[in-house]
N, C-alpha and C. Protein backbone atom coordinates (compact mmCIF):
# COMPACT_ATOMS: atom_id res chain seq x y z
N MET A 1 30.77 15.11 19.49
CA MET A 1 30.32 15.26 18.05
C MET A 1 30.03 13.99 17.78
N LYS A 2 30.47 12.89 18.20
CA LYS A 2 29.93 11.42 17.53
C LYS A 2 28.47 11.25 18.16
N ASN A 3 28.13 11.51 19.24
CA ASN A 3 26.86 11.54 19.44
C ASN A 3 25.86 12.43 19.03
N LYS A 4 26.39 13.54 18.49
CA LYS A 4 25.39 14.23 17.65
C LYS A 4 25.35 13.73 15.97
N LYS A 5 26.05 13.15 15.56
CA LYS A 5 25.98 12.26 14.41
C LYS A 5 25.18 11.29 14.55
N LYS A 6 25.33 10.52 15.51
CA LYS A 6 24.50 9.26 15.45
C LYS A 6 23.01 9.68 15.79
N GLU A 7 22.66 10.91 16.64
CA GLU A 7 21.43 11.23 16.45
C GLU A 7 20.90 11.72 15.52
N LYS A 8 21.87 12.22 14.55
CA LYS A 8 21.19 12.94 13.44
C LYS A 8 20.88 11.67 12.29
N GLN A 9 21.82 10.76 12.25
CA GLN A 9 21.56 9.47 11.29
C GLN A 9 20.14 8.51 11.88
N ASP A 10 20.13 8.45 13.26
CA ASP A 10 19.12 7.79 13.82
C ASP A 10 17.54 8.52 13.23
N GLY A 11 17.35 9.64 13.34
CA GLY A 11 16.60 10.33 12.85
C GLY A 11 16.13 10.40 11.33
N PHE A 12 17.17 10.45 10.67
CA PHE A 12 17.22 10.19 9.21
C PHE A 12 16.84 8.84 8.81
N LEU A 13 17.17 7.79 9.50
CA LEU A 13 16.73 6.42 9.32
C LEU A 13 15.24 6.26 9.78
N LYS A 14 14.94 6.81 10.90
CA LYS A 14 13.43 6.75 11.31
C LYS A 14 12.47 7.59 10.58
N GLU A 15 13.20 8.70 9.69
CA GLU A 15 12.07 9.43 8.99
C GLU A 15 11.97 8.63 7.70
N ILE A 16 12.97 7.88 7.15
CA ILE A 16 12.88 7.00 5.89
C ILE A 16 11.99 5.75 6.30
N LEU A 17 12.31 5.04 7.21
CA LEU A 17 11.42 3.98 7.60
C LEU A 17 9.94 4.39 7.59
N SER A 18 9.85 5.47 8.32
CA SER A 18 8.23 5.73 8.53
C SER A 18 7.71 6.22 6.88
N GLU A 19 8.34 6.88 6.25
CA GLU A 19 8.11 7.33 4.86
C GLU A 19 7.48 6.07 4.03
N LEU A 20 8.63 5.00 4.46
CA LEU A 20 8.60 3.71 3.22
C LEU A 20 7.21 3.01 3.87
N GLY A 21 7.02 2.91 5.30
CA GLY A 21 5.97 2.53 5.99
C GLY A 21 4.74 2.68 5.25
N GLY A 22 4.71 4.20 5.36
CA GLY A 22 3.26 4.83 4.91
C GLY A 22 3.09 4.63 3.33
N TYR A 23 4.45 4.29 2.50
CA TYR A 23 3.99 4.07 1.14
C TYR A 23 3.50 2.68 0.93
N ILE A 24 4.12 1.69 1.83
CA ILE A 24 3.91 0.16 1.71
C ILE A 24 2.25 0.31 2.10
N LEU A 25 1.95 0.80 3.00
CA LEU A 25 0.38 0.88 3.63
C LEU A 25 -0.64 1.43 2.50
N ILE A 26 -0.08 2.71 1.81
CA ILE A 26 -0.95 3.20 0.83
C ILE A 26 -0.99 2.13 -0.19
N GLU A 27 0.06 1.40 -0.80
CA GLU A 27 0.10 0.22 -1.58
C GLU A 27 -0.82 -0.62 -1.67
N ILE A 28 -1.03 -1.18 -0.18
CA ILE A 28 -1.70 -2.29 0.23
C ILE A 28 -3.29 -1.65 -0.04
N VAL A 29 -3.45 -0.74 0.63
CA VAL A 29 -4.87 -0.29 0.33
C VAL A 29 -5.40 -0.04 -1.11
N TRP A 30 -4.40 0.74 -1.85
CA TRP A 30 -4.70 0.64 -3.14
C TRP A 30 -5.06 -0.65 -3.92
N ASN A 31 -4.11 -1.83 -3.70
CA ASN A 31 -4.32 -2.91 -4.17
C ASN A 31 -5.83 -3.55 -3.92
N ILE A 32 -6.22 -3.37 -2.57
CA ILE A 32 -7.29 -3.86 -2.27
C ILE A 32 -8.44 -3.31 -2.77
N ILE A 33 -8.48 -1.78 -3.04
CA ILE A 33 -9.42 -0.99 -3.55
C ILE A 33 -9.35 -1.74 -5.19
N TRP A 34 -8.47 -1.66 -5.92
CA TRP A 34 -8.24 -2.12 -7.54
C TRP A 34 -8.92 -3.64 -7.48
N ASN A 35 -8.44 -4.28 -6.21
CA ASN A 35 -8.80 -5.99 -6.75
C ASN A 35 -10.58 -5.77 -6.35
N ILE A 36 -11.14 -5.07 -5.52
CA ILE A 36 -12.44 -4.98 -5.41
C ILE A 36 -13.01 -4.56 -6.96
N LEU A 37 -12.59 -3.57 -7.25
CA LEU A 37 -13.17 -2.75 -8.73
C LEU A 37 -13.08 -3.69 -9.77
N LEU A 38 -12.20 -4.53 -9.90
CA LEU A 38 -12.06 -5.45 -11.09
C LEU A 38 -12.83 -6.52 -10.57
N PHE A 39 -12.99 -6.90 -9.11
CA PHE A 39 -13.92 -8.13 -9.16
C PHE A 39 -15.29 -8.15 -9.38
N ILE A 40 -16.03 -6.56 -9.02
CA ILE A 40 -17.71 -6.61 -9.24
C ILE A 40 -17.95 -6.64 -10.78
N PRO A 41 -17.00 -6.29 -11.95
CA PRO A 41 -17.46 -6.36 -13.25
C PRO A 41 -17.23 -7.75 -13.49
N ARG A 42 -16.43 -8.79 -13.32
CA ARG A 42 -16.32 -9.94 -13.43
C ARG A 42 -17.35 -10.82 -12.77
N MET A 43 -18.06 -10.51 -11.65
CA MET A 43 -19.07 -11.01 -10.95
C MET A 43 -20.08 -11.01 -12.01
N ILE A 44 -20.34 -9.77 -12.30
CA ILE A 44 -21.84 -9.37 -13.23
C ILE A 44 -21.55 -10.07 -14.50
N ILE A 45 -20.58 -10.31 -15.25
CA ILE A 45 -20.28 -11.06 -16.51
C ILE A 45 -20.64 -12.48 -16.19
N ARG A 46 -20.22 -12.88 -15.05
CA ARG A 46 -20.48 -14.47 -15.06
C ARG A 46 -21.75 -14.56 -14.57
N LEU A 47 -22.54 -13.74 -13.80
CA LEU A 47 -24.02 -14.00 -13.54
C LEU A 47 -24.47 -13.69 -15.12
N ILE A 48 -24.48 -12.88 -15.82
CA ILE A 48 -24.97 -12.97 -17.09
C ILE A 48 -24.65 -14.12 -17.87
N LYS A 49 -23.80 -14.44 -17.88
CA LYS A 49 -23.58 -15.65 -18.74
C LYS A 49 -24.04 -17.00 -18.01
N SER A 50 -24.33 -16.86 -16.86
CA SER A 50 -25.07 -18.06 -16.14
C SER A 50 -26.27 -18.06 -16.31
N ILE A 51 -27.02 -16.75 -16.58
CA ILE A 51 -28.50 -16.73 -16.96
C ILE A 51 -28.63 -17.36 -18.13
N TRP A 52 -27.79 -16.68 -19.22
CA TRP A 52 -28.02 -16.77 -20.52
C TRP A 52 -27.35 -18.42 -20.91
């Protein structure tokens, strides 16, 4: 019975870690995309200000 409980706990922990890892990966990608989207308008505004 102890072996079965350990196997279930290991599977549960591995499942949580894999979901958490996927969530962290999605957060990192989302932050990169968001920073790029915010960076482009700032560059355009700086370009216009430098021309005028």
